[in-house]
């Protein structure tokens, strides 16, 4: 399982490409989470040994990293306010 670190990074790059093609900040957290999971596996530190035990452990780390990145991204960028544009006057009234 630790030899498959490149699969996680490739999946992260694929999700980042999907984010470019389908904008909406949906895949950003998952892309960064997948790359972070791949880098953890590549480093060989403590989480890598635990993630190598089973695929479900790796998916758990991926999900938690994705959620954390998405929450931080939402806090930094914020929710767009006033997405609906309302017009008070008509440009043809002049």
N, C-alpha and C. Protein backbone atom coordinates (compact mmCIF):
# COMPACT_ATOMS: atom_id res chain seq x y z
N UNK A 1 0.82 -1.20 0.00
CA UNK A 1 0.00 0.00 0.00
C UNK A 1 0.86 1.26 0.00
N UNK A 2 1.99 1.25 0.70
CA UNK A 2 2.82 2.45 0.72
C UNK A 2 3.47 2.70 -0.63
N UNK A 3 3.56 1.68 -1.47
CA UNK A 3 4.13 1.88 -2.80
C UNK A 3 3.15 2.56 -3.74
N UNK A 4 1.91 2.72 -3.32
CA UNK A 4 0.89 3.34 -4.16
C UNK A 4 0.68 4.82 -3.84
N UNK A 5 1.70 5.46 -3.29
CA UNK A 5 1.57 6.88 -2.98
C UNK A 5 1.33 7.70 -4.24
N UNK A 6 1.89 7.28 -5.34
CA UNK A 6 1.76 8.04 -6.58
C UNK A 6 0.34 8.00 -7.12
N UNK A 7 -0.42 6.95 -6.77
CA UNK A 7 -1.81 6.86 -7.22
C UNK A 7 -2.64 7.96 -6.57
N UNK A 8 -2.37 8.20 -5.28
CA UNK A 8 -3.10 9.27 -4.58
C UNK A 8 -2.76 10.63 -5.17
N UNK A 9 -1.50 10.86 -5.50
CA UNK A 9 -1.11 12.15 -6.07
C UNK A 9 -1.69 12.30 -7.48
N UNK A 10 -1.69 11.24 -8.26
CA UNK A 10 -2.30 11.30 -9.59
C UNK A 10 -3.80 11.55 -9.49
N UNK A 11 -4.46 10.94 -8.51
CA UNK A 11 -5.88 11.19 -8.31
C UNK A 11 -6.13 12.64 -7.90
N UNK A 12 -5.24 13.17 -7.08
CA UNK A 12 -5.36 14.58 -6.69
C UNK A 12 -5.20 15.51 -7.88
N UNK A 13 -4.25 15.20 -8.75
CA UNK A 13 -4.07 16.02 -9.95
C UNK A 13 -5.28 15.89 -10.88
N UNK A 14 -5.84 14.70 -10.97
CA UNK A 14 -7.06 14.50 -11.76
C UNK A 14 -8.23 15.29 -11.21
N UNK A 15 -8.37 15.31 -9.89
CA UNK A 15 -9.43 16.10 -9.27
C UNK A 15 -9.20 17.59 -9.46
N UNK A 16 -7.94 18.02 -9.45
CA UNK A 16 -7.64 19.43 -9.69
C UNK A 16 -7.99 19.82 -11.13
N UNK A 17 -7.74 18.92 -12.07
CA UNK A 17 -8.12 19.19 -13.46
C UNK A 17 -9.63 19.26 -13.58
N UNK A 18 -10.33 18.39 -12.87
CA UNK A 18 -11.80 18.44 -12.87
C UNK A 18 -12.30 19.76 -12.30
N UNK A 19 -11.61 20.29 -11.30
CA UNK A 19 -12.00 21.57 -10.72
C UNK A 19 -11.84 22.69 -11.73
N UNK A 20 -10.80 22.62 -12.55
CA UNK A 20 -10.61 23.64 -13.58
C UNK A 20 -11.71 23.54 -14.63
N UNK A 21 -12.06 22.33 -15.01
CA UNK A 21 -13.07 22.14 -16.04
C UNK A 21 -14.49 22.36 -15.53
N UNK A 22 -14.74 22.03 -14.28
CA UNK A 22 -16.05 22.18 -13.67
C UNK A 22 -15.93 23.08 -12.44
N UNK A 23 -15.79 24.39 -12.65
CA UNK A 23 -15.54 25.27 -11.50
C UNK A 23 -16.72 25.31 -10.55
N UNK A 24 -16.43 25.54 -9.32
CA UNK A 24 -17.46 25.61 -8.29
C UNK A 24 -16.89 25.31 -6.92
N UNK A 25 -15.59 25.14 -6.85
CA UNK A 25 -14.89 24.85 -5.60
C UNK A 25 -15.40 23.58 -4.95
N UNK A 26 -15.75 22.60 -5.75
CA UNK A 26 -16.24 21.33 -5.24
C UNK A 26 -15.09 20.35 -5.05
N UNK A 27 -14.18 20.32 -6.02
CA UNK A 27 -13.12 19.32 -6.01
C UNK A 27 -11.83 19.80 -5.38
N UNK A 28 -11.77 21.06 -4.94
CA UNK A 28 -10.53 21.61 -4.38
C UNK A 28 -10.12 20.84 -3.13
N UNK A 29 -11.04 20.66 -2.21
CA UNK A 29 -10.73 19.95 -0.97
C UNK A 29 -10.31 18.52 -1.21
N UNK A 30 -11.01 17.86 -2.12
CA UNK A 30 -10.65 16.47 -2.42
C UNK A 30 -9.31 16.38 -3.12
N UNK A 31 -9.00 17.32 -3.99
CA UNK A 31 -7.71 17.30 -4.69
C UNK A 31 -6.56 17.48 -3.71
N UNK A 32 -6.67 18.46 -2.84
CA UNK A 32 -5.61 18.69 -1.86
C UNK A 32 -5.55 17.54 -0.87
N UNK A 33 -6.70 16.99 -0.48
CA UNK A 33 -6.72 15.85 0.42
C UNK A 33 -6.05 14.62 -0.17
N UNK A 34 -6.27 14.38 -1.46
CA UNK A 34 -5.64 13.24 -2.12
C UNK A 34 -4.13 13.43 -2.22
N UNK A 35 -3.70 14.63 -2.57
CA UNK A 35 -2.26 14.89 -2.65
C UNK A 35 -1.63 14.78 -1.27
N UNK A 36 -2.30 15.30 -0.25
CA UNK A 36 -1.77 15.20 1.12
C UNK A 36 -1.69 13.75 1.57
N UNK A 37 -2.67 12.94 1.22
CA UNK A 37 -2.64 11.52 1.56
C UNK A 37 -1.47 10.83 0.85
N UNK A 38 -1.26 11.16 -0.42
CA UNK A 38 -0.13 10.59 -1.15
C UNK A 38 1.21 11.00 -0.56
N UNK A 39 1.31 12.25 -0.14
CA UNK A 39 2.56 12.71 0.46
C UNK A 39 2.80 12.06 1.82
N UNK A 40 1.72 11.81 2.57
CA UNK A 40 1.88 11.09 3.84
C UNK A 40 2.38 9.67 3.62
N UNK A 41 1.81 9.01 2.61
CA UNK A 41 2.26 7.65 2.29
C UNK A 41 3.71 7.66 1.81
N UNK A 42 4.08 8.65 1.03
CA UNK A 42 5.43 8.74 0.51
C UNK A 42 6.45 9.00 1.61
N UNK A 43 6.05 9.78 2.62
CA UNK A 43 6.99 10.13 3.69
C UNK A 43 7.36 8.93 4.54
N UNK A 44 6.45 7.99 4.71
CA UNK A 44 6.72 6.81 5.51
C UNK A 44 6.65 7.05 7.01
N UNK A 45 6.13 8.18 7.42
CA UNK A 45 5.99 8.49 8.84
C UNK A 45 4.82 7.71 9.44
N UNK A 46 4.45 8.04 10.68
CA UNK A 46 3.43 7.30 11.40
C UNK A 46 2.11 7.10 10.65
N UNK A 47 1.49 8.12 10.08
CA UNK A 47 0.21 7.84 9.44
C UNK A 47 0.35 6.87 8.27
N UNK A 48 1.50 6.86 7.62
CA UNK A 48 1.67 5.98 6.46
C UNK A 48 1.62 4.51 6.87
N UNK A 49 2.23 4.19 7.99
CA UNK A 49 2.18 2.80 8.46
C UNK A 49 0.76 2.37 8.80
N UNK A 50 0.01 3.29 9.43
CA UNK A 50 -1.37 2.98 9.79
C UNK A 50 -2.25 2.91 8.55
N UNK A 51 -2.01 3.79 7.57
CA UNK A 51 -2.81 3.75 6.34
C UNK A 51 -2.48 2.53 5.50
N UNK A 52 -1.28 2.02 5.62
CA UNK A 52 -0.89 0.85 4.84
C UNK A 52 -1.58 -0.42 5.32
N UNK A 53 -2.12 -0.39 6.53
CA UNK A 53 -2.81 -1.58 7.06
C UNK A 53 -4.04 -1.94 6.25
N UNK A 54 -4.82 -0.94 5.86
CA UNK A 54 -6.00 -1.22 5.07
C UNK A 54 -6.37 0.00 4.24
N UNK A 55 -7.09 -0.25 3.18
CA UNK A 55 -7.52 0.82 2.29
C UNK A 55 -8.53 1.74 2.98
N UNK A 56 -9.33 1.17 3.88
CA UNK A 56 -10.31 2.00 4.59
C UNK A 56 -9.62 3.03 5.47
N UNK A 57 -8.47 2.70 6.05
CA UNK A 57 -7.72 3.68 6.84
C UNK A 57 -7.23 4.83 5.94
N UNK A 58 -6.77 4.49 4.74
CA UNK A 58 -6.31 5.52 3.81
C UNK A 58 -7.47 6.40 3.37
N UNK A 59 -8.63 5.80 3.12
CA UNK A 59 -9.79 6.60 2.75
C UNK A 59 -10.26 7.49 3.90
N UNK A 60 -10.11 7.01 5.13
CA UNK A 60 -10.48 7.82 6.28
C UNK A 60 -9.57 9.05 6.37
N UNK A 61 -8.28 8.87 6.20
CA UNK A 61 -7.35 10.00 6.23
C UNK A 61 -7.65 10.95 5.07
N UNK A 62 -7.93 10.39 3.90
CA UNK A 62 -8.29 11.21 2.74
C UNK A 62 -9.54 12.04 3.02
N UNK A 63 -10.56 11.42 3.60
CA UNK A 63 -11.80 12.14 3.88
C UNK A 63 -11.58 13.23 4.93
N UNK A 64 -10.83 12.93 5.96
CA UNK A 64 -10.57 13.94 6.99
C UNK A 64 -9.74 15.10 6.46
N UNK A 65 -8.73 14.79 5.65
CA UNK A 65 -7.91 15.85 5.06
C UNK A 65 -8.74 16.70 4.10
N UNK A 66 -9.59 16.08 3.32
CA UNK A 66 -10.44 16.81 2.39
C UNK A 66 -11.40 17.72 3.13
N UNK A 67 -11.99 17.22 4.19
CA UNK A 67 -12.92 18.02 4.98
C UNK A 67 -12.20 19.20 5.63
N UNK A 68 -11.03 18.95 6.17
CA UNK A 68 -10.26 20.01 6.81
C UNK A 68 -9.88 21.10 5.80
N UNK A 69 -9.43 20.70 4.63
CA UNK A 69 -9.06 21.67 3.60
C UNK A 69 -10.28 22.45 3.14
N UNK A 70 -11.40 21.78 2.97
CA UNK A 70 -12.62 22.46 2.53
C UNK A 70 -13.09 23.48 3.57
N UNK A 71 -13.03 23.12 4.85
CA UNK A 71 -13.44 24.05 5.91
C UNK A 71 -12.52 25.26 5.95
N UNK A 72 -11.22 25.03 5.86
CA UNK A 72 -10.27 26.15 5.85
C UNK A 72 -10.47 27.01 4.61
N UNK A 73 -10.68 26.39 3.47
CA UNK A 73 -10.91 27.13 2.24
C UNK A 73 -12.17 27.98 2.33
N UNK A 74 -13.22 27.43 2.89
CA UNK A 74 -14.47 28.18 3.06
C UNK A 74 -14.29 29.33 4.03
N UNK A 75 -13.49 29.13 5.07
CA UNK A 75 -13.25 30.20 6.04
C UNK A 75 -12.43 31.33 5.42
N UNK A 76 -11.48 30.98 4.58
CA UNK A 76 -10.63 32.00 3.95
C UNK A 76 -11.39 32.74 2.85
N UNK A 77 -12.00 32.00 1.95
CA UNK A 77 -12.69 32.61 0.82
C UNK A 77 -14.05 33.15 1.24
N UNK A 78 -14.74 32.42 2.06
CA UNK A 78 -16.04 32.85 2.54
C UNK A 78 -17.16 32.49 1.60
N UNK A 79 -18.34 32.65 2.09
CA UNK A 79 -19.53 32.39 1.30
C UNK A 79 -19.85 33.66 0.52
N UNK A 80 -20.11 33.50 -0.74
CA UNK A 80 -20.44 34.68 -1.55
C UNK A 80 -21.81 35.20 -1.15
N UNK A 81 -21.86 36.47 -0.81
CA UNK A 81 -23.13 37.09 -0.43
C UNK A 81 -23.67 37.85 -1.62
N UNK A 82 -24.96 37.84 -1.74
CA UNK A 82 -25.58 38.59 -2.82
C UNK A 82 -25.32 37.99 -4.18
N UNK A 83 -25.47 36.71 -4.31
CA UNK A 83 -25.21 36.06 -5.58
C UNK A 83 -26.27 36.40 -6.62
N UNK A 84 -27.45 36.76 -6.15
CA UNK A 84 -28.52 37.09 -7.07
C UNK A 84 -28.48 38.58 -7.33
N UNK A 85 -28.37 38.95 -8.57
CA UNK A 85 -28.30 40.36 -8.96
C UNK A 85 -29.72 40.86 -9.18
N UNK A 86 -30.09 41.90 -8.45
CA UNK A 86 -31.40 42.52 -8.64
C UNK A 86 -31.19 43.91 -9.23
N UNK A 87 -32.04 44.27 -10.13
CA UNK A 87 -31.96 45.58 -10.79
C UNK A 87 -33.09 46.46 -10.27
N UNK A 88 -32.74 47.67 -9.83
CA UNK A 88 -33.74 48.60 -9.31
C UNK A 88 -34.31 49.49 -10.41
N UNK A 89 -33.56 49.67 -11.46
CA UNK A 89 -34.07 50.51 -12.53
C UNK A 89 -33.73 49.87 -13.87
N UNK A 90 -34.49 50.24 -14.85
CA UNK A 90 -34.31 49.73 -16.20
C UNK A 90 -33.40 50.68 -16.97
N UNK A 91 -32.47 50.17 -17.74
CA UNK A 91 -31.54 51.03 -18.47
C UNK A 91 -32.27 51.75 -19.62
N UNK A 92 -33.43 51.29 -19.98
CA UNK A 92 -34.18 51.92 -21.09
C UNK A 92 -35.10 53.04 -20.60
N UNK A 93 -35.11 53.33 -19.31
CA UNK A 93 -36.02 54.35 -18.79
C UNK A 93 -35.53 55.77 -19.05
N UNK A 94 -34.27 55.97 -19.36
CA UNK A 94 -33.74 57.32 -19.54
C UNK A 94 -34.25 57.99 -20.76
